């Protein structure tokens, strides 16, 4: 028999999968940033490569911390039966990644060297 205050395991496991998705995103951003800086020396100028790479690396670090924070917020909300936290971080990362994509496209199309 389950305890009435205990959250449903399906929701807990779904929350953990979401946390792991944040971690995969963080690793992908980190790997992308390192690749831009070190593996594509012909891509634009050094300062553009470094700026783009550092932005990706910093977003990767931020994604790891934000993912952990969000997972803890959701975990506490599930345990207390409270409303889920707002998805502000999702908007911030969506806009940030979109801006990086636009910047990379502009640099690629214009051939800034």
Protein backbone atom coordinates (compact mmCIF):
# COMPACT_ATOMS: atom_id res chain seq x y z
CA UNK A 1 0.00 0.00 0.00
CA UNK A 2 1.36 3.43 -0.93
CA UNK A 3 1.60 6.38 1.38
CA UNK A 4 -0.80 9.22 0.54
CA UNK A 5 1.96 11.88 0.72
CA UNK A 6 4.32 9.99 -1.55
CA UNK A 7 4.49 11.24 -5.16
CA UNK A 8 3.70 8.82 -7.96
CA UNK A 9 6.89 7.11 -9.13
CA UNK A 10 5.99 7.77 -12.77
CA UNK A 11 6.15 11.52 -12.20
CA UNK A 12 9.36 11.22 -10.19
CA UNK A 13 11.01 9.16 -12.92
CA UNK A 14 9.75 11.55 -15.62
CA UNK A 15 11.31 14.41 -13.68
CA UNK A 16 14.60 12.53 -13.52
CA UNK A 17 14.51 11.91 -17.28
CA UNK A 18 13.98 15.62 -17.81
CA UNK A 19 16.96 16.33 -15.55
CA UNK A 20 19.07 13.94 -17.62
CA UNK A 21 17.94 15.75 -20.78
CA UNK A 22 19.25 18.99 -19.25
CA UNK A 23 22.58 17.23 -18.59
CA UNK A 24 22.76 15.93 -22.18
CA UNK A 25 22.06 19.45 -23.41
CA UNK A 26 24.80 20.81 -21.15
CA UNK A 27 27.28 18.25 -22.48
CA UNK A 28 26.28 19.00 -26.08
CA UNK A 29 26.75 22.74 -25.61
CA UNK A 30 30.09 22.17 -23.89
CA UNK A 31 31.29 19.85 -26.66
CA UNK A 32 30.06 22.26 -29.34
CA UNK A 33 31.86 25.17 -27.71
CA UNK A 34 35.13 23.28 -27.44
CA UNK A 35 34.78 22.09 -31.04
CA UNK A 36 34.20 25.62 -32.35
CA UNK A 37 37.28 26.92 -30.55
CA UNK A 38 39.68 24.04 -31.29
CA UNK A 39 38.47 21.98 -34.25
CA UNK A 40 37.39 24.49 -36.90
CA UNK A 41 40.29 26.94 -37.28
CA UNK A 42 39.04 28.10 -40.69
CA UNK A 43 35.68 29.26 -39.29
CA UNK A 44 35.74 33.06 -39.32
CA UNK A 45 38.23 35.01 -37.22
CA UNK A 46 39.83 33.97 -33.96
CA UNK A 47 37.77 36.39 -31.88
CA UNK A 48 34.48 35.25 -33.49
CA UNK A 49 35.40 31.59 -32.92
CA UNK A 50 36.45 32.28 -29.35
CA UNK A 51 33.36 34.35 -28.60
CA UNK A 52 30.99 31.79 -30.09
CA UNK A 53 32.80 28.91 -28.40
CA UNK A 54 32.89 30.60 -25.01
CA UNK A 55 29.20 31.44 -25.26
CA UNK A 56 28.39 27.79 -25.94
CA UNK A 57 30.65 26.63 -23.11
CA UNK A 58 29.08 29.09 -20.65
CA UNK A 59 25.59 28.06 -21.74
CA UNK A 60 26.58 24.43 -21.17
CA UNK A 61 27.67 25.23 -17.62
CA UNK A 62 24.51 27.22 -17.02
CA UNK A 63 22.35 24.39 -18.38
CA UNK A 64 23.88 21.98 -15.86
CA UNK A 65 23.12 24.27 -12.92
CA UNK A 66 19.68 25.31 -14.17
CA UNK A 67 18.77 21.67 -14.82
CA UNK A 68 19.75 20.72 -11.29
CA UNK A 69 17.85 23.68 -9.81
CA UNK A 70 14.74 22.91 -11.87
CA UNK A 71 14.84 19.21 -10.99
CA UNK A 72 15.00 20.09 -7.29
CA UNK A 73 12.08 22.54 -7.67
CA UNK A 74 9.96 19.92 -9.43
CA UNK A 75 10.93 17.27 -6.88
CA UNK A 76 9.83 19.51 -4.00
CA UNK A 77 6.61 20.44 -5.81
CA UNK A 78 5.79 16.75 -6.37
CA UNK A 79 6.51 15.90 -2.74
CA UNK A 80 4.34 18.74 -1.43
CA UNK A 81 1.59 18.56 -4.03
CA UNK A 82 2.37 22.16 -4.99
CA UNK A 83 2.11 23.71 -8.48
CA UNK A 84 4.96 23.07 -10.88
CA UNK A 85 7.57 25.85 -11.21
CA UNK A 86 7.37 28.31 -14.09
CA UNK A 87 9.33 27.44 -17.23
CA UNK A 88 11.29 30.70 -17.40
CA UNK A 89 14.59 28.89 -17.91
CA UNK A 90 13.23 27.15 -20.99
CA UNK A 91 12.46 30.49 -22.61
CA UNK A 92 15.90 31.86 -21.75
CA UNK A 93 17.70 28.85 -23.24
CA UNK A 94 15.49 28.77 -26.32
CA UNK A 95 16.18 32.43 -27.06
CA UNK A 96 19.89 32.04 -26.27
CA UNK A 97 20.38 29.03 -28.52
CA UNK A 98 18.32 30.68 -31.26
CA UNK A 99 20.49 33.81 -31.05
CA UNK A 100 23.67 31.72 -31.26
CA UNK A 101 22.29 29.91 -34.31
CA UNK A 102 21.46 33.20 -36.03
CA UNK A 103 24.90 34.60 -35.22
CA UNK A 104 26.62 31.48 -36.57
CA UNK A 105 24.48 31.59 -39.73
CA UNK A 106 25.27 35.27 -40.32
CA UNK A 107 29.00 34.68 -39.82
CA UNK A 108 28.86 31.69 -42.17
CA UNK A 109 26.88 33.42 -44.91
CA UNK A 110 28.84 36.67 -44.78
CA UNK A 111 32.13 34.80 -44.53
CA UNK A 112 33.47 37.12 -41.85
CA UNK A 113 37.20 36.53 -41.71
